[in-house]
N, C-alpha and C. Protein backbone atom coordinates (compact mmCIF):
# COMPACT_ATOMS: atom_id res chain seq x y z
N MET A 1 -74.04 -16.42 -62.12
CA MET A 1 -73.20 -16.49 -61.00
C MET A 1 -72.42 -15.18 -60.86
N PRO A 2 -72.44 -14.77 -59.61
CA PRO A 2 -71.71 -13.58 -59.42
C PRO A 2 -70.28 -13.79 -59.50
N GLU A 3 -69.68 -12.78 -60.07
CA GLU A 3 -68.21 -12.88 -60.27
C GLU A 3 -67.49 -12.64 -58.93
N ARG A 4 -66.58 -13.51 -58.78
CA ARG A 4 -65.87 -13.38 -57.52
C ARG A 4 -64.78 -12.38 -57.69
N LYS A 5 -64.62 -11.61 -56.78
CA LYS A 5 -63.58 -10.63 -56.73
C LYS A 5 -62.30 -11.29 -56.31
N GLN A 6 -61.39 -11.11 -57.22
CA GLN A 6 -60.10 -11.69 -56.82
C GLN A 6 -59.31 -10.83 -55.78
N THR A 7 -58.98 -11.47 -54.76
CA THR A 7 -58.13 -10.74 -53.78
C THR A 7 -56.86 -11.38 -53.70
N ARG A 8 -55.96 -10.66 -53.84
CA ARG A 8 -54.61 -11.06 -53.82
C ARG A 8 -54.11 -10.95 -52.41
N ARG A 9 -53.37 -11.96 -51.94
CA ARG A 9 -52.85 -11.95 -50.58
C ARG A 9 -51.61 -11.01 -50.57
N ARG A 10 -51.67 -10.20 -49.55
CA ARG A 10 -50.49 -9.30 -49.49
C ARG A 10 -49.42 -9.92 -48.78
N THR A 11 -48.25 -9.63 -49.21
CA THR A 11 -47.01 -10.20 -48.57
C THR A 11 -46.75 -9.53 -47.21
N ARG A 12 -45.95 -10.11 -46.44
CA ARG A 12 -45.57 -9.58 -45.08
C ARG A 12 -45.02 -8.16 -45.22
N GLN A 13 -44.23 -7.94 -46.25
CA GLN A 13 -43.56 -6.63 -46.47
C GLN A 13 -44.64 -5.54 -46.86
N GLU A 14 -45.63 -6.01 -47.57
CA GLU A 14 -46.68 -5.14 -47.95
C GLU A 14 -47.56 -4.75 -46.79
N ARG A 15 -47.80 -5.71 -45.76
CA ARG A 15 -48.67 -5.40 -44.67
C ARG A 15 -48.06 -4.57 -43.64
N GLN A 16 -46.71 -4.37 -43.61
CA GLN A 16 -46.07 -3.38 -42.65
C GLN A 16 -46.33 -2.05 -43.08
N PRO A 17 -46.55 -1.16 -42.19
CA PRO A 17 -46.67 0.22 -42.53
C PRO A 17 -45.37 0.74 -43.09
N LYS A 18 -45.46 1.86 -43.76
CA LYS A 18 -44.31 2.50 -44.39
C LYS A 18 -43.25 2.82 -43.25
N GLY A 19 -42.01 2.52 -43.46
CA GLY A 19 -40.95 2.80 -42.52
C GLY A 19 -40.89 1.75 -41.43
N GLY A 20 -41.62 0.75 -41.47
CA GLY A 20 -41.64 -0.40 -40.53
C GLY A 20 -40.40 -1.17 -40.54
N ARG A 21 -39.85 -1.28 -41.82
CA ARG A 21 -38.58 -2.06 -41.86
C ARG A 21 -37.41 -1.35 -41.14
N ARG A 22 -37.51 -0.06 -41.23
CA ARG A 22 -36.42 0.71 -40.52
C ARG A 22 -36.61 0.52 -39.05
N ARG A 23 -37.80 0.49 -38.58
CA ARG A 23 -37.98 0.33 -37.10
C ARG A 23 -37.59 -1.02 -36.68
N VAL A 24 -37.84 -2.03 -37.36
CA VAL A 24 -37.36 -3.38 -37.05
C VAL A 24 -35.92 -3.51 -37.08
N ALA A 25 -35.27 -2.88 -38.05
CA ALA A 25 -33.72 -2.93 -38.13
C ALA A 25 -33.14 -2.11 -36.96
N ALA A 26 -33.74 -1.03 -36.56
CA ALA A 26 -33.28 -0.28 -35.50
C ALA A 26 -33.43 -1.07 -34.12
N TYR A 27 -34.60 -1.73 -33.92
CA TYR A 27 -34.82 -2.48 -32.86
C TYR A 27 -33.85 -3.64 -32.69
N ALA A 28 -33.58 -4.27 -33.83
CA ALA A 28 -32.61 -5.43 -33.87
C ALA A 28 -31.26 -4.92 -33.46
N MET A 29 -30.84 -3.79 -34.00
CA MET A 29 -29.53 -3.23 -33.68
C MET A 29 -29.40 -2.86 -32.19
N TRP A 30 -30.47 -2.23 -31.62
CA TRP A 30 -30.51 -1.88 -30.16
C TRP A 30 -30.41 -3.14 -29.33
N LEU A 31 -31.16 -4.25 -29.74
CA LEU A 31 -31.09 -5.49 -28.96
C LEU A 31 -29.78 -6.13 -29.07
N ALA A 32 -29.07 -6.12 -30.18
CA ALA A 32 -27.70 -6.62 -30.32
C ALA A 32 -26.70 -5.84 -29.40
N VAL A 33 -26.83 -4.56 -29.37
CA VAL A 33 -26.04 -3.71 -28.54
C VAL A 33 -26.24 -3.98 -27.04
N ALA A 34 -27.53 -4.11 -26.69
CA ALA A 34 -27.85 -4.42 -25.26
C ALA A 34 -27.31 -5.80 -24.86
N VAL A 35 -27.43 -6.80 -25.68
CA VAL A 35 -26.94 -8.18 -25.29
C VAL A 35 -25.33 -8.09 -25.24
N ALA A 36 -24.70 -7.40 -26.16
CA ALA A 36 -23.22 -7.22 -26.06
C ALA A 36 -22.78 -6.55 -24.80
N ALA A 37 -23.60 -5.47 -24.44
CA ALA A 37 -23.20 -4.74 -23.17
C ALA A 37 -23.44 -5.60 -21.97
N CYS A 38 -24.48 -6.45 -21.90
CA CYS A 38 -24.65 -7.32 -20.77
C CYS A 38 -23.59 -8.40 -20.68
N PHE A 39 -23.17 -8.90 -21.87
CA PHE A 39 -22.19 -9.88 -21.87
C PHE A 39 -20.82 -9.28 -21.41
N HIS A 40 -20.48 -8.09 -21.82
CA HIS A 40 -19.35 -7.39 -21.40
C HIS A 40 -19.29 -7.12 -19.89
N ALA A 41 -20.54 -6.76 -19.35
CA ALA A 41 -20.57 -6.43 -17.96
C ALA A 41 -20.42 -7.73 -17.11
N CYS A 42 -20.95 -8.87 -17.61
CA CYS A 42 -20.77 -10.14 -16.95
C CYS A 42 -19.32 -10.53 -16.92
N LEU A 43 -18.66 -10.39 -17.98
CA LEU A 43 -17.19 -10.68 -18.11
C LEU A 43 -16.37 -9.83 -17.16
N SER A 44 -16.70 -8.55 -17.09
CA SER A 44 -15.94 -7.59 -16.27
C SER A 44 -16.15 -7.96 -14.84
N LEU A 45 -17.33 -8.30 -14.36
CA LEU A 45 -17.59 -8.58 -12.95
C LEU A 45 -16.89 -9.91 -12.63
N SER A 46 -16.83 -10.87 -13.52
CA SER A 46 -16.19 -12.08 -13.15
C SER A 46 -14.64 -12.03 -13.20
N SER A 47 -14.07 -10.97 -13.80
CA SER A 47 -12.65 -10.85 -13.93
C SER A 47 -12.05 -10.09 -12.76
N CYS A 48 -12.79 -9.86 -11.67
CA CYS A 48 -12.17 -9.05 -10.56
C CYS A 48 -11.46 -9.95 -9.55
N SER A 49 -10.73 -11.00 -10.05
CA SER A 49 -10.22 -11.90 -9.12
C SER A 49 -8.73 -11.46 -8.66
N GLN A 50 -8.21 -10.40 -9.23
CA GLN A 50 -6.86 -9.96 -8.84
C GLN A 50 -6.94 -8.64 -8.00
N ILE A 51 -7.46 -8.91 -6.74
CA ILE A 51 -7.56 -7.77 -5.83
C ILE A 51 -6.29 -7.76 -4.94
N ASN A 52 -5.75 -6.58 -4.82
CA ASN A 52 -4.49 -6.40 -4.07
C ASN A 52 -4.84 -6.23 -2.55
N CYS A 53 -5.01 -7.29 -1.94
CA CYS A 53 -5.40 -7.24 -0.50
C CYS A 53 -4.18 -7.08 0.37
N GLN A 54 -4.40 -6.89 1.66
CA GLN A 54 -3.32 -6.67 2.62
C GLN A 54 -2.21 -7.73 2.60
N SER A 55 -2.59 -9.03 2.25
CA SER A 55 -1.63 -10.08 2.22
C SER A 55 -0.57 -9.76 1.08
N GLN A 56 -0.95 -9.04 0.05
CA GLN A 56 0.05 -8.72 -0.98
C GLN A 56 0.73 -7.38 -0.75
N ASN A 57 0.21 -6.57 0.23
CA ASN A 57 0.83 -5.28 0.49
C ASN A 57 1.13 -5.24 1.95
N THR A 58 2.30 -4.60 2.32
CA THR A 58 2.66 -4.45 3.69
C THR A 58 2.71 -2.95 4.02
N VAL A 59 2.47 -2.62 5.22
CA VAL A 59 2.66 -1.35 5.75
C VAL A 59 3.83 -1.40 6.83
N ALA A 60 4.91 -0.71 6.54
CA ALA A 60 6.09 -0.85 7.44
C ALA A 60 6.87 0.54 7.35
N VAL A 61 7.69 0.74 8.28
CA VAL A 61 8.50 1.99 8.38
C VAL A 61 9.89 1.70 7.91
N ASN A 62 10.34 2.61 7.01
CA ASN A 62 11.66 2.50 6.49
C ASN A 62 12.61 3.47 7.27
N TYR A 63 13.67 2.94 7.81
CA TYR A 63 14.74 3.68 8.54
C TYR A 63 16.03 3.81 7.74
N ALA A 64 16.71 4.91 7.78
CA ALA A 64 18.05 5.02 7.10
C ALA A 64 18.97 5.67 8.06
N PHE A 65 20.24 5.23 7.99
CA PHE A 65 21.32 5.91 8.75
C PHE A 65 21.77 7.15 7.92
N ARG A 66 21.97 8.27 8.53
CA ARG A 66 22.36 9.47 7.84
C ARG A 66 23.59 10.06 8.65
N GLN A 67 24.36 10.86 7.97
CA GLN A 67 25.51 11.57 8.54
C GLN A 67 25.32 13.05 8.26
N ALA A 68 25.37 13.87 9.23
CA ALA A 68 25.19 15.37 9.03
C ALA A 68 26.49 15.85 8.45
N ILE A 69 26.37 16.73 7.40
CA ILE A 69 27.57 17.19 6.78
C ILE A 69 27.72 18.72 6.96
N ASN A 70 26.69 19.42 7.52
CA ASN A 70 26.89 20.85 7.81
C ASN A 70 25.86 21.31 8.81
N ALA A 71 25.92 22.49 9.28
CA ALA A 71 25.09 23.07 10.36
C ALA A 71 23.69 23.44 9.79
N PHE A 72 23.49 23.36 8.44
CA PHE A 72 22.24 23.75 7.84
C PHE A 72 21.24 22.60 7.76
N GLY A 73 21.54 21.47 8.25
CA GLY A 73 20.71 20.29 8.22
C GLY A 73 20.81 19.37 7.06
N ASP A 74 21.94 19.62 6.22
CA ASP A 74 22.23 18.78 5.15
C ASP A 74 22.85 17.48 5.63
N SER A 75 22.43 16.39 4.95
CA SER A 75 22.97 15.11 5.33
C SER A 75 23.19 14.16 4.13
N ARG A 76 23.94 13.15 4.37
CA ARG A 76 24.10 12.11 3.34
C ARG A 76 23.98 10.73 3.95
N GLU A 77 23.91 9.75 3.10
CA GLU A 77 23.74 8.39 3.56
C GLU A 77 24.91 7.95 4.42
N ASP A 78 24.65 7.22 5.41
CA ASP A 78 25.69 6.71 6.35
C ASP A 78 25.56 5.25 6.47
N THR A 79 26.62 4.57 6.88
CA THR A 79 26.77 3.14 7.04
C THR A 79 27.28 2.82 8.37
N LEU A 80 26.79 1.75 8.94
CA LEU A 80 27.47 1.31 10.19
C LEU A 80 28.89 1.04 9.86
N ALA A 81 29.79 1.39 10.82
CA ALA A 81 31.23 1.21 10.67
C ALA A 81 31.49 -0.29 10.34
N VAL A 82 32.79 -0.53 9.88
CA VAL A 82 33.19 -1.87 9.52
C VAL A 82 32.93 -2.96 10.55
N GLY A 83 33.28 -2.65 11.82
CA GLY A 83 33.24 -3.60 12.91
C GLY A 83 31.82 -3.61 13.65
N ASP A 84 30.89 -2.69 13.21
CA ASP A 84 29.61 -2.53 13.83
C ASP A 84 28.59 -3.53 13.26
N THR A 85 27.79 -3.99 14.06
CA THR A 85 26.60 -4.87 13.68
C THR A 85 25.36 -4.40 14.45
N LEU A 86 24.31 -4.15 13.62
CA LEU A 86 22.96 -3.85 14.24
C LEU A 86 22.53 -5.27 14.49
N TRP A 87 22.73 -5.64 15.82
CA TRP A 87 22.53 -7.07 16.19
C TRP A 87 20.98 -7.40 16.27
N LYS A 88 20.29 -6.63 17.10
CA LYS A 88 18.88 -6.97 17.17
C LYS A 88 18.08 -5.69 17.47
N ALA A 89 16.91 -5.67 16.69
CA ALA A 89 15.86 -4.56 16.95
C ALA A 89 14.74 -5.31 17.55
N ILE A 90 14.38 -5.03 18.77
CA ILE A 90 13.39 -5.76 19.48
C ILE A 90 12.22 -4.89 19.72
N ASN A 91 11.02 -5.34 19.28
CA ASN A 91 9.82 -4.63 19.38
C ASN A 91 9.18 -4.96 20.70
N ARG A 92 8.99 -3.88 21.53
CA ARG A 92 8.54 -4.08 22.87
C ARG A 92 7.15 -3.36 23.02
N ALA A 93 6.40 -3.15 21.97
CA ALA A 93 5.17 -2.42 22.08
C ALA A 93 4.06 -3.14 22.79
N ASP A 94 4.07 -4.49 22.70
CA ASP A 94 3.02 -5.28 23.42
C ASP A 94 3.51 -5.82 24.71
N GLY A 95 4.72 -5.53 25.08
CA GLY A 95 5.20 -6.02 26.35
C GLY A 95 5.89 -7.31 26.22
N ALA A 96 5.83 -7.95 25.02
CA ALA A 96 6.45 -9.23 24.76
C ALA A 96 7.61 -8.89 23.67
N ASP A 97 8.77 -9.32 24.07
CA ASP A 97 9.96 -9.06 23.11
C ASP A 97 9.85 -10.05 21.96
N SER A 98 10.27 -9.52 20.84
CA SER A 98 10.41 -10.28 19.61
C SER A 98 11.44 -9.64 18.73
N VAL A 99 12.30 -10.45 18.15
CA VAL A 99 13.32 -9.99 17.22
C VAL A 99 12.74 -9.65 15.93
N VAL A 100 12.79 -8.51 15.39
CA VAL A 100 12.21 -8.11 14.16
C VAL A 100 13.26 -7.75 13.09
N PHE A 101 14.56 -7.67 13.57
CA PHE A 101 15.69 -7.54 12.56
C PHE A 101 16.87 -7.99 13.28
N ASN A 102 17.73 -8.74 12.56
CA ASN A 102 18.86 -9.47 13.17
C ASN A 102 20.07 -9.46 12.26
N SER A 103 21.11 -9.10 12.83
CA SER A 103 22.52 -9.15 12.25
C SER A 103 22.63 -8.38 11.02
N GLY A 104 22.41 -7.01 11.06
CA GLY A 104 22.69 -6.23 9.94
C GLY A 104 24.17 -5.68 9.97
N ILE A 105 24.97 -6.08 9.02
CA ILE A 105 26.35 -5.70 9.00
C ILE A 105 26.58 -4.75 7.86
N ARG A 106 27.20 -3.67 8.18
CA ARG A 106 27.45 -2.56 7.14
C ARG A 106 26.12 -2.05 6.50
N THR A 107 25.16 -1.94 7.42
CA THR A 107 23.79 -1.59 6.99
C THR A 107 23.61 -0.11 6.77
N THR A 108 22.88 0.29 5.74
CA THR A 108 22.62 1.72 5.49
C THR A 108 21.11 1.98 5.74
N SER A 109 20.25 0.98 5.60
CA SER A 109 18.80 1.19 5.83
C SER A 109 18.24 -0.11 6.23
N PHE A 110 17.06 -0.13 6.81
CA PHE A 110 16.29 -1.29 7.09
C PHE A 110 14.83 -0.90 7.25
N THR A 111 13.89 -1.93 7.39
CA THR A 111 12.47 -1.80 7.38
C THR A 111 11.99 -2.51 8.62
N LEU A 112 11.12 -1.90 9.38
CA LEU A 112 10.61 -2.56 10.60
C LEU A 112 9.04 -2.45 10.55
N PRO A 113 8.31 -3.46 11.08
CA PRO A 113 6.88 -3.31 11.14
C PRO A 113 6.40 -2.19 12.14
N ILE A 114 5.08 -1.83 11.94
CA ILE A 114 4.52 -0.77 12.72
C ILE A 114 3.16 -1.39 13.23
N SER A 115 2.91 -1.10 14.56
CA SER A 115 1.71 -1.58 15.14
C SER A 115 0.47 -0.69 14.74
N HIS A 116 -0.71 -1.25 14.98
CA HIS A 116 -1.90 -0.43 14.71
C HIS A 116 -2.80 -0.39 15.99
N ARG A 117 -2.30 -0.86 17.10
CA ARG A 117 -3.07 -0.95 18.34
C ARG A 117 -2.53 0.07 19.43
N HIS A 118 -1.37 0.62 19.17
CA HIS A 118 -0.79 1.44 20.15
C HIS A 118 -0.43 2.89 19.54
N PRO A 119 -0.62 3.91 20.40
CA PRO A 119 -0.32 5.27 19.82
C PRO A 119 1.23 5.46 19.74
N GLU A 120 2.06 4.58 20.35
CA GLU A 120 3.46 4.79 20.26
C GLU A 120 4.15 3.40 20.16
N ASP A 121 5.09 3.21 19.29
CA ASP A 121 5.88 1.99 19.26
C ASP A 121 7.25 2.25 19.88
N MET A 122 7.79 1.22 20.58
CA MET A 122 9.06 1.36 21.16
C MET A 122 9.99 0.19 20.66
N PHE A 123 11.17 0.56 20.13
CA PHE A 123 12.14 -0.42 19.67
C PHE A 123 13.43 -0.27 20.37
N LEU A 124 14.02 -1.36 20.73
CA LEU A 124 15.33 -1.41 21.29
C LEU A 124 16.39 -1.79 20.15
N PHE A 125 17.38 -0.94 20.07
CA PHE A 125 18.42 -1.16 19.07
C PHE A 125 19.70 -1.55 19.72
N VAL A 126 20.05 -2.73 19.45
CA VAL A 126 21.36 -3.34 20.09
C VAL A 126 22.42 -3.28 18.97
N VAL A 127 23.39 -2.45 19.28
CA VAL A 127 24.54 -2.24 18.29
C VAL A 127 25.81 -2.82 18.96
N LYS A 128 26.45 -3.84 18.22
CA LYS A 128 27.64 -4.38 18.74
C LYS A 128 28.84 -3.69 18.02
N ASP A 129 29.71 -3.15 18.75
CA ASP A 129 30.94 -2.54 18.09
C ASP A 129 32.15 -3.18 18.79
N SER A 130 33.36 -2.47 18.55
CA SER A 130 34.52 -3.11 19.08
C SER A 130 34.64 -3.05 20.60
N ILE A 131 33.94 -2.13 21.18
CA ILE A 131 33.88 -2.03 22.66
C ILE A 131 32.87 -3.02 23.34
N GLY A 132 31.80 -3.22 22.73
CA GLY A 132 30.73 -4.20 23.28
C GLY A 132 29.45 -3.93 22.67
N TYR A 133 28.43 -4.09 23.56
CA TYR A 133 27.08 -3.84 23.08
C TYR A 133 26.53 -2.48 23.61
N LEU A 134 25.97 -1.73 22.73
CA LEU A 134 25.28 -0.44 23.08
C LEU A 134 23.80 -0.54 22.78
N ILE A 135 22.93 -0.20 23.74
CA ILE A 135 21.54 -0.39 23.56
C ILE A 135 20.87 1.03 23.66
N ASP A 136 20.19 1.24 22.48
CA ASP A 136 19.37 2.52 22.37
C ASP A 136 17.95 2.17 22.26
N THR A 137 17.10 3.05 22.65
CA THR A 137 15.65 2.94 22.48
C THR A 137 15.12 4.07 21.58
N ILE A 138 14.24 3.70 20.65
CA ILE A 138 13.56 4.72 19.81
C ILE A 138 12.01 4.49 20.04
N TRP A 139 11.41 5.67 20.25
CA TRP A 139 9.94 5.77 20.34
C TRP A 139 9.35 6.39 19.23
N VAL A 140 8.41 5.83 18.54
CA VAL A 140 7.74 6.38 17.35
C VAL A 140 6.32 6.60 17.73
N ALA A 141 5.91 7.91 17.87
CA ALA A 141 4.51 8.22 18.12
C ALA A 141 3.83 8.42 16.79
N LYS A 142 2.55 7.95 16.75
CA LYS A 142 1.79 7.94 15.42
C LYS A 142 0.35 7.96 15.58
N GLU A 143 -0.37 8.28 14.59
CA GLU A 143 -1.81 8.19 14.51
C GLU A 143 -2.21 7.12 13.46
N ASP A 144 -3.11 6.29 13.82
CA ASP A 144 -3.49 5.23 12.97
C ASP A 144 -4.84 5.55 12.26
N PHE A 145 -4.92 5.19 10.91
CA PHE A 145 -6.15 5.49 10.16
C PHE A 145 -6.56 4.23 9.54
N PRO A 146 -7.78 3.72 9.64
CA PRO A 146 -8.18 2.53 8.90
C PRO A 146 -8.35 2.75 7.39
N HIS A 147 -7.87 1.94 6.65
CA HIS A 147 -7.92 2.05 5.20
C HIS A 147 -8.70 0.86 4.64
N PHE A 148 -9.83 1.19 3.94
CA PHE A 148 -10.71 0.12 3.36
C PHE A 148 -10.66 0.16 1.90
N GLU A 149 -10.31 -0.99 1.26
CA GLU A 149 -10.37 -1.17 -0.20
C GLU A 149 -11.45 -1.96 -0.82
N SER A 150 -11.76 -3.03 -0.19
CA SER A 150 -12.73 -3.96 -0.70
C SER A 150 -13.34 -4.86 0.42
N VAL A 151 -14.45 -5.38 0.22
CA VAL A 151 -15.04 -6.31 1.16
C VAL A 151 -14.21 -7.60 1.19
N ASP A 152 -13.60 -7.94 0.17
CA ASP A 152 -12.83 -9.14 0.11
C ASP A 152 -11.53 -8.99 0.89
N CYS A 153 -11.12 -7.76 1.00
CA CYS A 153 -9.74 -7.51 1.68
C CYS A 153 -9.87 -7.17 3.14
N GLY A 154 -10.93 -6.56 3.60
CA GLY A 154 -11.06 -6.13 4.96
C GLY A 154 -10.24 -4.72 5.11
N ALA A 155 -10.19 -4.31 6.29
CA ALA A 155 -9.53 -3.03 6.54
C ALA A 155 -8.06 -3.20 6.99
N THR A 156 -7.24 -2.34 6.53
CA THR A 156 -5.89 -2.34 7.07
C THR A 156 -5.66 -0.94 7.69
N PHE A 157 -4.43 -0.63 8.20
CA PHE A 157 -4.22 0.69 8.78
C PHE A 157 -3.01 1.39 8.05
N PHE A 158 -3.19 2.62 7.81
CA PHE A 158 -2.17 3.54 7.39
C PHE A 158 -1.88 4.41 8.65
N HIS A 159 -0.62 5.11 8.57
CA HIS A 159 -0.21 5.81 9.76
C HIS A 159 0.39 7.15 9.36
N ASP A 160 0.31 8.08 10.40
CA ASP A 160 0.96 9.32 10.28
C ASP A 160 1.89 9.44 11.44
N ILE A 161 3.19 9.46 11.23
CA ILE A 161 4.15 9.56 12.30
C ILE A 161 4.15 11.09 12.83
N THR A 162 3.87 11.26 14.14
CA THR A 162 3.78 12.60 14.73
C THR A 162 5.03 12.99 15.36
N ALA A 163 5.84 12.02 15.96
CA ALA A 163 7.06 12.48 16.68
C ALA A 163 7.91 11.10 16.85
N VAL A 164 9.18 11.47 16.95
CA VAL A 164 10.15 10.35 17.17
C VAL A 164 11.21 10.84 18.17
N ARG A 165 11.63 10.02 19.06
CA ARG A 165 12.69 10.30 20.05
C ARG A 165 13.43 9.11 20.35
N SER A 166 14.74 9.36 20.89
CA SER A 166 15.51 8.14 21.20
C SER A 166 16.44 8.44 22.41
N THR A 167 17.10 7.40 22.97
CA THR A 167 18.19 7.58 23.82
C THR A 167 19.49 7.84 23.06
N HIS A 168 20.58 8.20 23.75
CA HIS A 168 21.71 8.67 22.96
C HIS A 168 22.99 7.94 23.41
N LYS A 169 23.02 6.60 23.32
CA LYS A 169 24.29 5.95 23.60
C LYS A 169 25.08 5.82 22.23
N ARG A 170 24.49 5.21 21.23
CA ARG A 170 25.03 5.17 19.90
C ARG A 170 24.36 6.06 18.89
N ILE A 171 23.14 6.42 19.27
CA ILE A 171 22.39 7.26 18.34
C ILE A 171 22.47 8.75 18.80
N ASP A 172 22.83 9.56 17.86
CA ASP A 172 22.96 11.08 18.13
C ASP A 172 21.56 11.69 18.13
N SER A 173 20.84 11.38 17.08
CA SER A 173 19.46 11.95 17.00
C SER A 173 18.62 11.24 15.94
N VAL A 174 17.33 11.38 16.02
CA VAL A 174 16.49 10.80 15.09
C VAL A 174 15.45 11.95 14.58
N THR A 175 15.13 11.77 13.31
CA THR A 175 14.15 12.75 12.78
C THR A 175 13.15 12.12 11.81
N VAL A 176 11.98 12.71 11.69
CA VAL A 176 10.97 12.19 10.84
C VAL A 176 11.19 12.88 9.49
N HIS A 177 11.41 12.05 8.41
CA HIS A 177 11.59 12.53 7.05
C HIS A 177 10.32 12.53 6.27
N THR A 178 9.58 11.40 6.27
CA THR A 178 8.35 11.30 5.57
C THR A 178 7.32 10.73 6.57
N PRO A 179 6.43 11.54 7.02
CA PRO A 179 5.39 11.06 8.15
C PRO A 179 4.41 10.05 7.65
N GLN A 180 4.00 10.01 6.36
CA GLN A 180 2.91 9.17 5.92
C GLN A 180 3.46 7.74 5.63
N VAL A 181 2.80 6.79 6.30
CA VAL A 181 3.16 5.39 6.17
C VAL A 181 2.08 4.64 5.59
N ASN A 182 2.22 4.10 4.35
CA ASN A 182 1.12 3.42 3.61
C ASN A 182 1.75 2.23 2.82
N TYR A 183 1.05 1.84 1.74
CA TYR A 183 1.55 0.69 1.00
C TYR A 183 2.88 1.03 0.22
N ASP A 184 3.20 2.37 0.01
CA ASP A 184 4.35 2.71 -0.81
C ASP A 184 5.64 2.43 -0.06
N PRO A 185 6.46 1.49 -0.65
CA PRO A 185 7.60 0.99 0.05
C PRO A 185 8.92 1.91 -0.20
N THR A 186 8.77 2.92 -1.02
CA THR A 186 9.94 3.78 -1.45
C THR A 186 10.44 4.77 -0.47
N PRO A 187 9.55 5.59 0.21
CA PRO A 187 10.10 6.64 1.02
C PRO A 187 10.79 6.15 2.26
N THR A 188 11.80 6.95 2.62
CA THR A 188 12.41 6.74 3.98
C THR A 188 11.63 7.60 5.00
N HIS A 189 11.15 6.91 6.03
CA HIS A 189 10.30 7.61 6.96
C HIS A 189 11.07 8.27 8.16
N ILE A 190 12.11 7.57 8.57
CA ILE A 190 12.93 8.13 9.79
C ILE A 190 14.35 8.04 9.47
N TYR A 191 15.01 9.16 9.70
CA TYR A 191 16.47 9.26 9.64
C TYR A 191 17.15 8.98 11.04
N ILE A 192 18.17 8.13 11.09
CA ILE A 192 18.91 7.94 12.35
C ILE A 192 20.33 8.44 12.14
N TYR A 193 20.67 9.44 12.97
CA TYR A 193 22.06 9.98 12.97
C TYR A 193 22.90 9.29 14.09
N LEU A 194 23.98 8.68 13.72
CA LEU A 194 24.82 7.88 14.60
C LEU A 194 25.90 8.83 15.23
N ARG A 195 26.32 8.50 16.47
CA ARG A 195 27.41 9.11 16.98
C ARG A 195 28.72 8.40 16.49
N ARG A 196 29.69 9.14 16.19
CA ARG A 196 30.95 8.55 15.78
C ARG A 196 31.77 8.16 16.96
N PRO A 197 32.29 6.91 16.97
CA PRO A 197 33.11 6.44 18.14
C PRO A 197 34.43 7.21 18.21
């Protein structure tokens, strides 16, 4: 009887070519990194729920009363006199009157909305003092620029104030201090210089 040649079964490790273990380990590492990156990307996309849309941000014009202190244009903060009241600021840009500021006593500054449909806004300022009511009008000319942040938010409008003028019953003059109007609530955009009674 012919002698059978004994063949030994090779183990899985022996069947892999030399360096194969390293390749498998590298592939496993690469796969783990890819899965972790996909997981992180999914978490990042689902965490975009805190979008600062227009409902959380307002675009408005800040006004401040100033007092001239010398001929070089220097000024300091001013306040309505003790008996004076900024009774009503009426927005008449759309032809319909609406009160947008009411009863400011000893006021140094205030904020009013700005339109995005008209090239010029017009406000009536009614100041009540010891003599009676004085009505001044301020016109604010501006350019409107659409500002887009996200599909979820839609577009809003930023503005550049190009000119400002007024009547002169209680107001001596008005000047543009910071022309850019956007979400930043800190700058004063328009200075109002009052006549002293």
